Amino acid sequence: MAQPKIQIYTTRTCPFCIRAKALLDQKGAKFDETDVGADASKRDTMTKRAGGKRSVPQIFIGDTHVGGCDELFALDRAGKLDPMLKGAA
């Protein structure tokens, strides 16, 4: 199966964004990054997609809203991230 589209909303200096991107890089996952730090319209788009959440990162794998950095790492610890990245979950 092909990798689903991964979208991560970030800001440049956010340490949680950096950690989340590093984990995705480590997994070899390609992702689209949108910096919402200086663009209110992009943050509004992210907030709508994320069900009102305004913190970064906000991560989407395919149509699934994963949440933030902590949720991404929790999926990895539970063994659920790799199947999601492969489009199997």
N, C-alpha and C. Protein backbone atom coordinates (compact mmCIF):
# COMPACT_ATOMS: atom_id res chain seq x y z
N MET A 1 0.84 -1.19 0.00
CA MET A 1 0.00 0.00 0.00
C MET A 1 0.88 1.24 0.00
N ALA A 2 0.37 2.29 -0.60
CA ALA A 2 1.09 3.54 -0.64
C ALA A 2 0.93 4.29 0.67
N GLN A 3 1.96 5.05 1.00
CA GLN A 3 1.89 5.87 2.21
C GLN A 3 0.80 6.91 2.05
N PRO A 4 -0.05 7.06 3.06
CA PRO A 4 -1.07 8.11 2.99
C PRO A 4 -0.41 9.49 3.09
N LYS A 5 -1.13 10.50 2.67
CA LYS A 5 -0.61 11.87 2.78
C LYS A 5 -0.50 12.22 4.26
N ILE A 6 0.63 12.79 4.63
CA ILE A 6 0.85 13.24 6.00
C ILE A 6 0.99 14.75 5.98
N GLN A 7 0.20 15.42 6.81
CA GLN A 7 0.24 16.88 6.93
C GLN A 7 0.56 17.21 8.37
N ILE A 8 1.56 18.07 8.58
CA ILE A 8 1.91 18.50 9.92
C ILE A 8 1.95 20.02 9.93
N TYR A 9 1.19 20.59 10.84
CA TYR A 9 1.16 22.04 11.04
C TYR A 9 2.14 22.38 12.16
N THR A 10 3.02 23.33 11.91
CA THR A 10 4.11 23.63 12.83
C THR A 10 4.34 25.13 12.96
N THR A 11 5.27 25.46 13.86
CA THR A 11 5.92 26.76 13.87
C THR A 11 7.42 26.48 13.90
N ARG A 12 8.22 27.45 13.49
CA ARG A 12 9.66 27.21 13.31
C ARG A 12 10.39 26.82 14.58
N THR A 13 10.04 27.40 15.72
CA THR A 13 10.83 27.18 16.92
C THR A 13 10.20 26.23 17.92
N CYS A 14 9.10 25.62 17.59
CA CYS A 14 8.39 24.72 18.50
C CYS A 14 9.18 23.42 18.71
N PRO A 15 9.62 23.14 19.95
CA PRO A 15 10.39 21.91 20.19
C PRO A 15 9.57 20.64 19.96
N PHE A 16 8.26 20.69 20.20
CA PHE A 16 7.42 19.52 19.96
C PHE A 16 7.28 19.25 18.47
N CYS A 17 7.23 20.31 17.67
CA CYS A 17 7.19 20.17 16.21
C CYS A 17 8.47 19.51 15.72
N ILE A 18 9.58 19.96 16.24
CA ILE A 18 10.89 19.42 15.84
C ILE A 18 10.96 17.93 16.18
N ARG A 19 10.50 17.55 17.39
CA ARG A 19 10.51 16.13 17.79
C ARG A 19 9.61 15.29 16.90
N ALA A 20 8.41 15.79 16.60
CA ALA A 20 7.47 15.05 15.77
C ALA A 20 8.03 14.84 14.37
N LYS A 21 8.60 15.90 13.80
CA LYS A 21 9.19 15.78 12.46
C LYS A 21 10.37 14.82 12.48
N ALA A 22 11.17 14.83 13.54
CA ALA A 22 12.31 13.92 13.64
C ALA A 22 11.84 12.47 13.66
N LEU A 23 10.75 12.18 14.38
CA LEU A 23 10.23 10.81 14.41
C LEU A 23 9.75 10.40 13.04
N LEU A 24 9.02 11.27 12.36
CA LEU A 24 8.55 10.94 11.01
C LEU A 24 9.73 10.74 10.06
N ASP A 25 10.76 11.59 10.18
CA ASP A 25 11.96 11.42 9.36
C ASP A 25 12.62 10.07 9.65
N GLN A 26 12.72 9.73 10.92
CA GLN A 26 13.34 8.46 11.32
C GLN A 26 12.60 7.28 10.72
N LYS A 27 11.28 7.42 10.59
CA LYS A 27 10.45 6.35 10.00
C LYS A 27 10.50 6.37 8.48
N GLY A 28 11.16 7.37 7.90
CA GLY A 28 11.23 7.47 6.44
C GLY A 28 9.94 7.98 5.83
N ALA A 29 9.12 8.62 6.62
CA ALA A 29 7.82 9.11 6.14
C ALA A 29 7.98 10.49 5.51
N LYS A 30 7.42 10.65 4.35
CA LYS A 30 7.40 11.96 3.71
C LYS A 30 6.15 12.70 4.20
N PHE A 31 6.32 14.00 4.45
CA PHE A 31 5.19 14.77 4.95
C PHE A 31 5.22 16.17 4.39
N ASP A 32 4.03 16.77 4.35
CA ASP A 32 3.88 18.17 3.97
C ASP A 32 3.81 18.98 5.26
N GLU A 33 4.62 20.02 5.34
CA GLU A 33 4.67 20.86 6.53
C GLU A 33 4.10 22.23 6.21
N THR A 34 3.24 22.72 7.08
CA THR A 34 2.68 24.05 6.95
C THR A 34 3.04 24.84 8.20
N ASP A 35 3.81 25.91 8.03
CA ASP A 35 4.18 26.78 9.15
C ASP A 35 3.04 27.76 9.37
N VAL A 36 2.43 27.68 10.55
CA VAL A 36 1.29 28.55 10.87
C VAL A 36 1.71 29.73 11.74
N GLY A 37 3.00 29.87 12.01
CA GLY A 37 3.48 30.88 12.95
C GLY A 37 3.20 32.31 12.54
N ALA A 38 3.27 32.62 11.28
CA ALA A 38 3.14 34.01 10.85
C ALA A 38 1.94 34.23 9.95
N ASP A 39 1.05 33.25 9.87
CA ASP A 39 -0.06 33.35 8.94
C ASP A 39 -1.35 32.92 9.64
N ALA A 40 -2.14 33.91 10.04
CA ALA A 40 -3.37 33.63 10.80
C ALA A 40 -4.34 32.76 9.99
N SER A 41 -4.39 32.93 8.68
CA SER A 41 -5.34 32.14 7.88
C SER A 41 -4.94 30.66 7.88
N LYS A 42 -3.64 30.38 7.85
CA LYS A 42 -3.19 28.98 7.91
C LYS A 42 -3.50 28.38 9.27
N ARG A 43 -3.31 29.17 10.35
CA ARG A 43 -3.64 28.67 11.69
C ARG A 43 -5.15 28.42 11.80
N ASP A 44 -5.96 29.29 11.20
CA ASP A 44 -7.41 29.09 11.21
C ASP A 44 -7.79 27.80 10.50
N THR A 45 -7.15 27.53 9.35
CA THR A 45 -7.40 26.29 8.62
C THR A 45 -7.04 25.09 9.49
N MET A 46 -5.86 25.14 10.12
CA MET A 46 -5.42 24.06 11.00
C MET A 46 -6.42 23.86 12.14
N THR A 47 -6.85 24.95 12.76
CA THR A 47 -7.76 24.88 13.90
C THR A 47 -9.08 24.22 13.51
N LYS A 48 -9.60 24.57 12.34
CA LYS A 48 -10.84 23.95 11.87
C LYS A 48 -10.65 22.46 11.63
N ARG A 49 -9.56 22.09 10.98
CA ARG A 49 -9.29 20.67 10.72
C ARG A 49 -9.09 19.89 12.01
N ALA A 50 -8.49 20.54 13.02
CA ALA A 50 -8.13 19.87 14.27
C ALA A 50 -9.23 19.97 15.33
N GLY A 51 -10.41 20.31 14.94
CA GLY A 51 -11.52 20.34 15.88
C GLY A 51 -11.38 21.39 16.96
N GLY A 52 -10.79 22.53 16.61
CA GLY A 52 -10.66 23.63 17.55
C GLY A 52 -9.31 23.73 18.24
N LYS A 53 -8.45 22.76 18.05
CA LYS A 53 -7.13 22.80 18.69
C LYS A 53 -6.23 23.81 17.97
N ARG A 54 -5.57 24.67 18.76
CA ARG A 54 -4.73 25.73 18.19
C ARG A 54 -3.25 25.49 18.45
N SER A 55 -2.91 24.51 19.27
CA SER A 55 -1.50 24.25 19.58
C SER A 55 -0.83 23.52 18.43
N VAL A 56 0.47 23.63 18.36
CA VAL A 56 1.24 22.92 17.34
C VAL A 56 2.17 21.93 18.03
N PRO A 57 2.51 20.86 17.34
CA PRO A 57 2.04 20.49 16.01
C PRO A 57 0.64 19.89 16.05
N GLN A 58 -0.01 19.94 14.92
CA GLN A 58 -1.23 19.18 14.66
C GLN A 58 -0.90 18.29 13.47
N ILE A 59 -1.10 16.99 13.64
CA ILE A 59 -0.63 16.01 12.66
C ILE A 59 -1.82 15.23 12.12
N PHE A 60 -1.84 15.08 10.80
CA PHE A 60 -2.87 14.31 10.12
C PHE A 60 -2.18 13.25 9.27
N ILE A 61 -2.63 12.01 9.40
CA ILE A 61 -2.14 10.93 8.55
C ILE A 61 -3.35 10.44 7.77
N GLY A 62 -3.31 10.68 6.47
CA GLY A 62 -4.50 10.43 5.66
C GLY A 62 -5.61 11.33 6.18
N ASP A 63 -6.78 10.75 6.44
CA ASP A 63 -7.91 11.51 6.96
C ASP A 63 -7.97 11.50 8.48
N THR A 64 -6.99 10.85 9.11
CA THR A 64 -7.01 10.71 10.56
C THR A 64 -6.25 11.85 11.24
N HIS A 65 -6.92 12.52 12.17
CA HIS A 65 -6.25 13.54 12.98
C HIS A 65 -5.56 12.82 14.13
N VAL A 66 -4.24 12.76 14.07
CA VAL A 66 -3.46 12.09 15.10
C VAL A 66 -3.42 12.92 16.38
N GLY A 67 -3.31 14.22 16.23
CA GLY A 67 -3.15 15.11 17.37
C GLY A 67 -1.78 15.74 17.32
N GLY A 68 -1.14 15.83 18.48
CA GLY A 68 0.16 16.47 18.57
C GLY A 68 1.31 15.49 18.73
N CYS A 69 2.42 16.01 19.20
CA CYS A 69 3.64 15.23 19.35
C CYS A 69 3.45 14.06 20.32
N ASP A 70 2.84 14.32 21.47
CA ASP A 70 2.65 13.26 22.46
C ASP A 70 1.82 12.12 21.89
N GLU A 71 0.78 12.44 21.15
CA GLU A 71 -0.07 11.41 20.56
C GLU A 71 0.67 10.62 19.50
N LEU A 72 1.52 11.30 18.72
CA LEU A 72 2.31 10.62 17.70
C LEU A 72 3.26 9.61 18.34
N PHE A 73 3.95 10.02 19.41
CA PHE A 73 4.86 9.11 20.09
C PHE A 73 4.11 7.98 20.79
N ALA A 74 2.91 8.25 21.30
CA ALA A 74 2.10 7.20 21.93
C ALA A 74 1.69 6.15 20.89
N LEU A 75 1.33 6.59 19.69
CA LEU A 75 1.03 5.63 18.62
C LEU A 75 2.23 4.77 18.32
N ASP A 76 3.41 5.38 18.28
CA ASP A 76 4.63 4.63 18.00
C ASP A 76 4.89 3.59 19.10
N ARG A 77 4.78 4.01 20.36
CA ARG A 77 5.01 3.08 21.47
C ARG A 77 4.03 1.92 21.46
N ALA A 78 2.80 2.18 21.01
CA ALA A 78 1.77 1.15 20.96
C ALA A 78 1.88 0.26 19.72
N GLY A 79 2.85 0.56 18.85
CA GLY A 79 3.01 -0.24 17.63
C GLY A 79 1.99 0.07 16.55
N LYS A 80 1.30 1.20 16.67
CA LYS A 80 0.25 1.54 15.71
C LYS A 80 0.70 2.54 14.64
N LEU A 81 1.85 3.21 14.84
CA LEU A 81 2.26 4.23 13.90
C LEU A 81 2.73 3.64 12.59
N ASP A 82 3.58 2.62 12.64
CA ASP A 82 4.11 2.04 11.40
C ASP A 82 3.00 1.56 10.46
N PRO A 83 1.98 0.82 10.97
CA PRO A 83 0.90 0.44 10.05
C PRO A 83 0.16 1.65 9.46
N MET A 84 -0.02 2.71 10.27
CA MET A 84 -0.69 3.91 9.74
C MET A 84 0.14 4.54 8.63
N LEU A 85 1.46 4.58 8.82
CA LEU A 85 2.32 5.19 7.81
C LEU A 85 2.35 4.38 6.53
N LYS A 86 2.04 3.10 6.63
CA LYS A 86 2.01 2.23 5.45
C LYS A 86 0.62 2.17 4.83
N GLY A 87 -0.32 2.87 5.43
CA GLY A 87 -1.68 2.88 4.89
C GLY A 87 -2.47 1.64 5.24
N ALA A 88 -1.99 0.89 6.24
CA ALA A 88 -2.65 -0.37 6.59
C ALA A 88 -3.61 -0.23 7.76
N ALA A 89 -3.70 0.95 8.32
CA ALA A 89 -4.58 1.09 9.49
C ALA A 89 -5.58 2.21 9.27
